[in-house]
Amino acid sequence: MIKDFSQFEKKVDVTFKDKALLRQAFTHRSFLNENRSAGMEHNERLEFLGDAVLELIVTDYLYKKYPEKPEGELTSYRSALVNSNTLAQAATELGMNEFLLLSHGEAKDTGRARTYILANTFEAFLGALYMDQGYDATRDFIAKHIFHLIDDIVEKGTWIDAKSKFQEAAQEKAGVTPSYKTVKEIGPDHDKRFTVGVYLGNDLVVTGEGKSKQEAEQNAAHKGLIEKEWA
C-alpha cells in the first residue's frame, strides 16, 4: 500500500526537504524483508540518532526548568518522558500509526510490539527531522509534542521509580525484598525485547516487558504494584 507522506507533513506542519528521509523514518525492517527490491533503508539508524537527540533536548529542558532539582530526580523525570509508552502515545496522537511501513505479519500485531514500533518510529522521525532541518527545528517539534507532558507526570508522581515503590511496599507489607529475573529474550541484537519477572521469595508476582532489562524491570514493578493493590 502506497503511503502519502505529504498528508503526514500537513498534519504535523513540517515539510521535509528530503522526502526519502521522511519515508525512511517510517520504514520498519520487516517491510524491507518483504519488499527487497524497494531500494530503501529501514529506520534503525535514524532511530539511533533520534534517541540521542531526544535525550539531549529533554535533558537540557529539564535542567533549565527545574534548577533546584538534583540529578537523580531529573533522571527519573527524563525516563518518564522518553520511555516507550510515552513516545508511543505521542506517536499515536500524531497519527504515525497510519503511515507505518510494515510487513503483513507486523501490521496485524496491535499489542505491545506495536507500542515499541511506534516509539521507535517517533525516535526515527526525530532523527530524520534533525538530519533534514537541524537542531532548532527538532527541539521545537519535541517542545510542542513532549514537553507539556512533564507537568502531569510531576503532579501525579508517575515519575517516581516503580522499582523503589514496589520494594518499599514489599518490605513494609510482606517483609520481603523483591527480586527480578529475566525469563525471556527475543529478537536480534539491534531490536531486543526482554521479559522480566518480579518475585517475592520464590513466588512470581507478574512479568513485564521492555526494550532493555531496566525498562522491563520497571514495567514489572509497575504491574506488581497494581497486582498487589499497593499502587
Protein backbone atom coordinates (compact mmCIF):
# COMPACT_ATOMS: atom_id res chain seq x y z
CA MET A 1 0.00 0.00 0.00
CA ILE A 2 1.35 3.40 -1.04
CA LYS A 3 1.57 5.94 1.77
CA ASP A 4 1.06 9.63 1.07
CA PHE A 5 3.55 11.17 3.45
CA SER A 6 2.55 14.67 2.37
CA GLN A 7 -0.58 14.10 4.44
CA PHE A 8 1.57 13.46 7.48
CA GLU A 9 3.62 16.58 6.76
CA LYS A 10 0.43 18.62 6.70
CA LYS A 11 -0.78 17.04 9.93
CA VAL A 12 2.38 17.90 11.87
CA ASP A 13 3.07 21.14 9.98
CA VAL A 14 6.57 20.09 8.92
CA THR A 15 7.74 19.99 5.31
CA PHE A 16 10.80 17.88 4.55
CA LYS A 17 13.38 18.93 2.00
CA ASP A 18 14.49 15.30 1.64
CA LYS A 19 11.32 13.24 1.26
CA ALA A 20 13.30 9.98 1.27
CA LEU A 21 14.41 10.69 4.85
CA LEU A 22 10.80 11.04 5.96
CA ARG A 23 9.82 7.79 4.26
CA GLN A 24 12.82 6.01 5.78
CA ALA A 25 11.73 7.11 9.27
CA PHE A 26 8.53 5.08 8.87
CA THR A 27 10.15 2.03 7.26
CA HIS A 28 10.37 -0.98 9.59
CA ARG A 29 12.98 -3.65 8.87
CA SER A 30 10.20 -6.22 8.34
CA PHE A 31 8.80 -4.21 5.41
CA LEU A 32 12.08 -4.49 3.52
CA ASN A 33 12.20 -8.23 4.16
CA GLU A 34 9.03 -8.48 2.05
CA ASN A 35 10.00 -5.72 -0.40
CA ARG A 36 13.67 -6.32 -1.12
CA SER A 37 13.51 -4.52 -4.46
CA ALA A 38 12.19 -1.31 -2.93
CA GLY A 39 15.64 0.27 -2.88
CA MET A 40 15.05 1.74 0.58
CA GLU A 41 16.68 1.69 4.00
CA HIS A 42 14.97 0.79 7.26
CA ASN A 43 14.71 3.29 10.08
CA GLU A 44 17.07 1.84 12.70
CA ARG A 45 19.99 4.22 12.09
CA LEU A 46 17.62 7.18 12.24
CA GLU A 47 16.15 5.77 15.46
CA PHE A 48 19.65 5.59 16.94
CA LEU A 49 20.26 9.24 16.07
CA GLY A 50 16.80 10.40 17.17
CA ASP A 51 17.16 8.69 20.54
CA ALA A 52 20.34 10.66 21.25
CA VAL A 53 18.88 13.97 20.04
CA LEU A 54 15.73 13.44 22.11
CA GLU A 55 17.72 12.68 25.26
CA LEU A 56 19.87 15.80 24.84
CA ILE A 57 16.93 18.11 24.17
CA VAL A 58 14.82 16.73 27.03
CA THR A 59 17.81 16.85 29.41
CA ASP A 60 18.51 20.48 28.50
CA TYR A 61 14.83 21.39 29.01
CA LEU A 62 14.55 19.68 32.40
CA TYR A 63 17.87 21.12 33.61
CA LYS A 64 16.62 24.65 32.93
CA LYS A 65 13.01 24.08 34.05
CA TYR A 66 13.96 22.62 37.44
CA PRO A 67 17.16 24.39 38.60
CA GLU A 68 16.62 23.24 42.17
CA LYS A 69 16.21 19.52 41.43
CA PRO A 70 19.10 17.04 41.94
CA GLU A 71 20.34 14.96 39.03
CA GLY A 72 18.73 11.76 40.31
CA GLU A 73 15.26 13.27 40.23
CA LEU A 74 15.89 14.85 36.82
CA THR A 75 16.94 11.44 35.52
CA SER A 76 13.63 9.98 36.70
CA TYR A 77 11.71 12.83 35.06
CA ARG A 78 13.57 12.21 31.82
CA SER A 79 12.95 8.47 31.94
CA ALA A 80 9.23 9.10 32.34
CA LEU A 81 9.24 11.48 29.36
CA VAL A 82 11.17 9.30 26.91
CA ASN A 83 10.03 5.76 27.76
CA SER A 84 8.31 3.56 25.18
CA ASN A 85 4.79 4.17 26.46
CA THR A 86 5.10 7.98 26.40
CA LEU A 87 6.68 8.05 22.94
CA ALA A 88 4.14 5.57 21.54
CA GLN A 89 1.34 7.73 22.93
CA ALA A 90 2.82 10.81 21.27
CA ALA A 91 3.22 8.90 18.01
CA THR A 92 -0.39 7.73 18.16
CA GLU A 93 -1.67 11.25 18.77
CA LEU A 94 0.30 12.39 15.70
CA GLY A 95 -1.26 9.64 13.59
CA MET A 96 2.03 7.90 12.88
CA ASN A 97 0.33 4.52 13.03
CA GLU A 98 -1.42 5.23 9.73
CA PHE A 99 1.89 5.73 7.89
CA LEU A 100 3.97 2.81 9.17
CA LEU A 101 5.58 0.63 6.51
CA LEU A 102 5.43 -2.88 7.98
CA SER A 103 5.39 -6.49 6.87
CA HIS A 104 1.99 -8.17 6.67
CA GLY A 105 2.74 -10.02 9.89
CA GLU A 106 3.82 -6.93 11.83
CA ALA A 107 0.85 -4.97 10.51
CA LYS A 108 -1.53 -7.43 12.20
CA ASP A 109 0.07 -7.01 15.63
CA THR A 110 -1.63 -4.30 17.65
CA GLY A 111 -0.31 -5.27 21.09
CA ARG A 112 2.87 -4.49 22.98
CA ALA A 113 5.01 -4.99 19.88
CA ARG A 114 3.17 -2.13 18.15
CA THR A 115 3.92 0.12 21.12
CA TYR A 116 7.64 -0.47 20.59
CA ILE A 117 7.36 0.06 16.84
CA LEU A 118 5.57 3.38 17.35
CA ALA A 119 8.10 4.54 19.96
CA ASN A 120 10.98 3.59 17.65
CA THR A 121 9.31 5.35 14.73
CA PHE A 122 8.88 8.51 16.78
CA GLU A 123 12.61 8.48 17.54
CA ALA A 124 13.42 7.72 13.89
CA PHE A 125 11.28 10.67 12.82
CA LEU A 126 13.25 12.92 15.18
CA GLY A 127 16.47 11.62 13.66
CA ALA A 128 15.16 12.35 10.17
CA LEU A 129 13.99 15.82 11.20
CA TYR A 130 17.37 16.56 12.74
CA MET A 131 19.15 15.47 9.55
CA ASP A 132 16.77 17.43 7.34
CA GLN A 133 16.31 20.66 9.31
CA GLY A 134 18.73 20.73 12.24
CA TYR A 135 18.67 21.04 16.00
CA ASP A 136 16.34 24.02 16.44
CA ALA A 137 13.54 22.57 14.32
CA THR A 138 13.82 19.24 16.16
CA ARG A 139 13.76 20.98 19.52
CA ASP A 140 10.64 22.94 18.50
CA PHE A 141 8.90 19.72 17.50
CA ILE A 142 9.78 17.98 20.76
CA ALA A 143 8.76 21.07 22.73
CA LYS A 144 5.35 21.03 21.05
CA HIS A 145 4.65 17.32 21.45
CA ILE A 146 6.60 16.13 24.52
CA PHE A 147 7.50 18.94 26.94
CA HIS A 148 3.93 19.61 28.08
CA LEU A 149 3.64 16.07 29.44
CA ILE A 150 6.08 16.73 32.29
CA ASP A 151 3.63 18.80 34.33
CA ASP A 152 1.17 15.91 34.53
CA ILE A 153 3.97 13.43 35.25
CA VAL A 154 5.26 15.52 38.15
CA GLU A 155 1.79 16.30 39.50
CA LYS A 156 0.70 12.65 39.52
CA GLY A 157 4.05 11.33 40.72
CA THR A 158 4.29 8.87 37.83
CA TRP A 159 7.99 9.73 37.51
CA ILE A 160 8.74 8.00 40.79
CA ASP A 161 10.79 4.87 40.28
CA ALA A 162 8.34 1.95 40.25
CA LYS A 163 11.03 -0.45 41.47
CA SER A 164 11.66 1.72 44.53
CA LYS A 165 7.93 1.97 45.21
CA PHE A 166 7.47 -1.78 44.90
CA GLN A 167 10.47 -2.56 47.09
CA GLU A 168 9.29 -0.22 49.84
CA ALA A 169 5.78 -1.69 49.74
CA ALA A 170 7.04 -5.30 49.64
CA GLN A 171 9.30 -4.77 52.61
CA GLU A 172 6.58 -2.99 54.58
CA LYS A 173 3.64 -5.25 53.75
CA ALA A 174 5.25 -8.62 53.06
CA GLY A 175 8.58 -8.39 54.87
CA VAL A 176 10.39 -9.43 51.68
CA THR A 177 12.80 -7.67 49.32
CA PRO A 178 11.67 -8.36 45.74
CA SER A 179 13.99 -9.85 43.15
CA TYR A 180 13.96 -9.71 39.35
CA LYS A 181 14.78 -12.43 36.85
CA THR A 182 14.92 -12.30 33.06
CA VAL A 183 12.56 -15.01 31.84
CA LYS A 184 12.74 -14.38 28.09
CA GLU A 185 14.76 -12.53 25.46
CA ILE A 186 13.55 -12.33 21.87
CA GLY A 187 14.69 -10.54 18.75
CA PRO A 188 18.05 -9.75 17.15
CA ASP A 189 20.69 -7.71 18.97
CA HIS A 190 19.57 -4.42 17.40
CA ASP A 191 15.96 -4.93 18.48
CA LYS A 192 15.88 -6.99 21.68
CA ARG A 193 12.74 -7.44 23.77
CA PHE A 194 13.11 -8.54 27.37
CA THR A 195 10.57 -10.17 29.66
CA VAL A 196 11.42 -9.91 33.35
CA GLY A 197 9.60 -11.45 36.30
CA VAL A 198 9.38 -9.81 39.72
CA TYR A 199 9.41 -12.28 42.60
CA LEU A 200 8.57 -12.18 46.28
CA GLY A 201 10.70 -15.01 47.59
CA ASN A 202 10.10 -17.87 45.15
CA ASP A 203 6.68 -16.61 44.09
CA LEU A 204 6.33 -14.89 40.72
CA VAL A 205 4.11 -11.83 41.05
CA VAL A 206 3.94 -10.62 37.43
CA THR A 207 6.14 -10.19 34.37
CA GLY A 208 6.98 -7.00 32.50
CA GLU A 209 8.41 -6.28 29.06
CA GLY A 210 10.82 -3.70 27.75
CA LYS A 211 13.46 -2.75 25.18
CA SER A 212 16.05 -3.13 27.94
CA LYS A 213 16.22 -5.19 31.12
CA GLN A 214 15.88 -1.98 33.12
CA GLU A 215 12.70 -0.95 31.31
CA ALA A 216 11.27 -4.47 31.69
CA GLU A 217 12.01 -4.40 35.43
CA GLN A 218 10.29 -1.04 35.80
CA ASN A 219 7.30 -2.34 33.86
CA ALA A 220 7.13 -5.45 36.03
CA ALA A 221 7.32 -3.36 39.21
CA HIS A 222 4.56 -1.06 37.98
CA LYS A 223 2.32 -4.04 37.17
CA GLY A 224 3.25 -5.62 40.50
CA LEU A 225 2.04 -2.54 42.39
CA ILE A 226 -1.32 -2.88 40.64
CA GLU A 227 -1.48 -6.66 41.06
CA LYS A 228 -0.83 -6.44 44.81
CA GLU A 229 -3.01 -3.34 45.14
CA TRP A 230 -0.05 -1.42 46.54
CA ALA A 231 -0.26 1.40 43.97
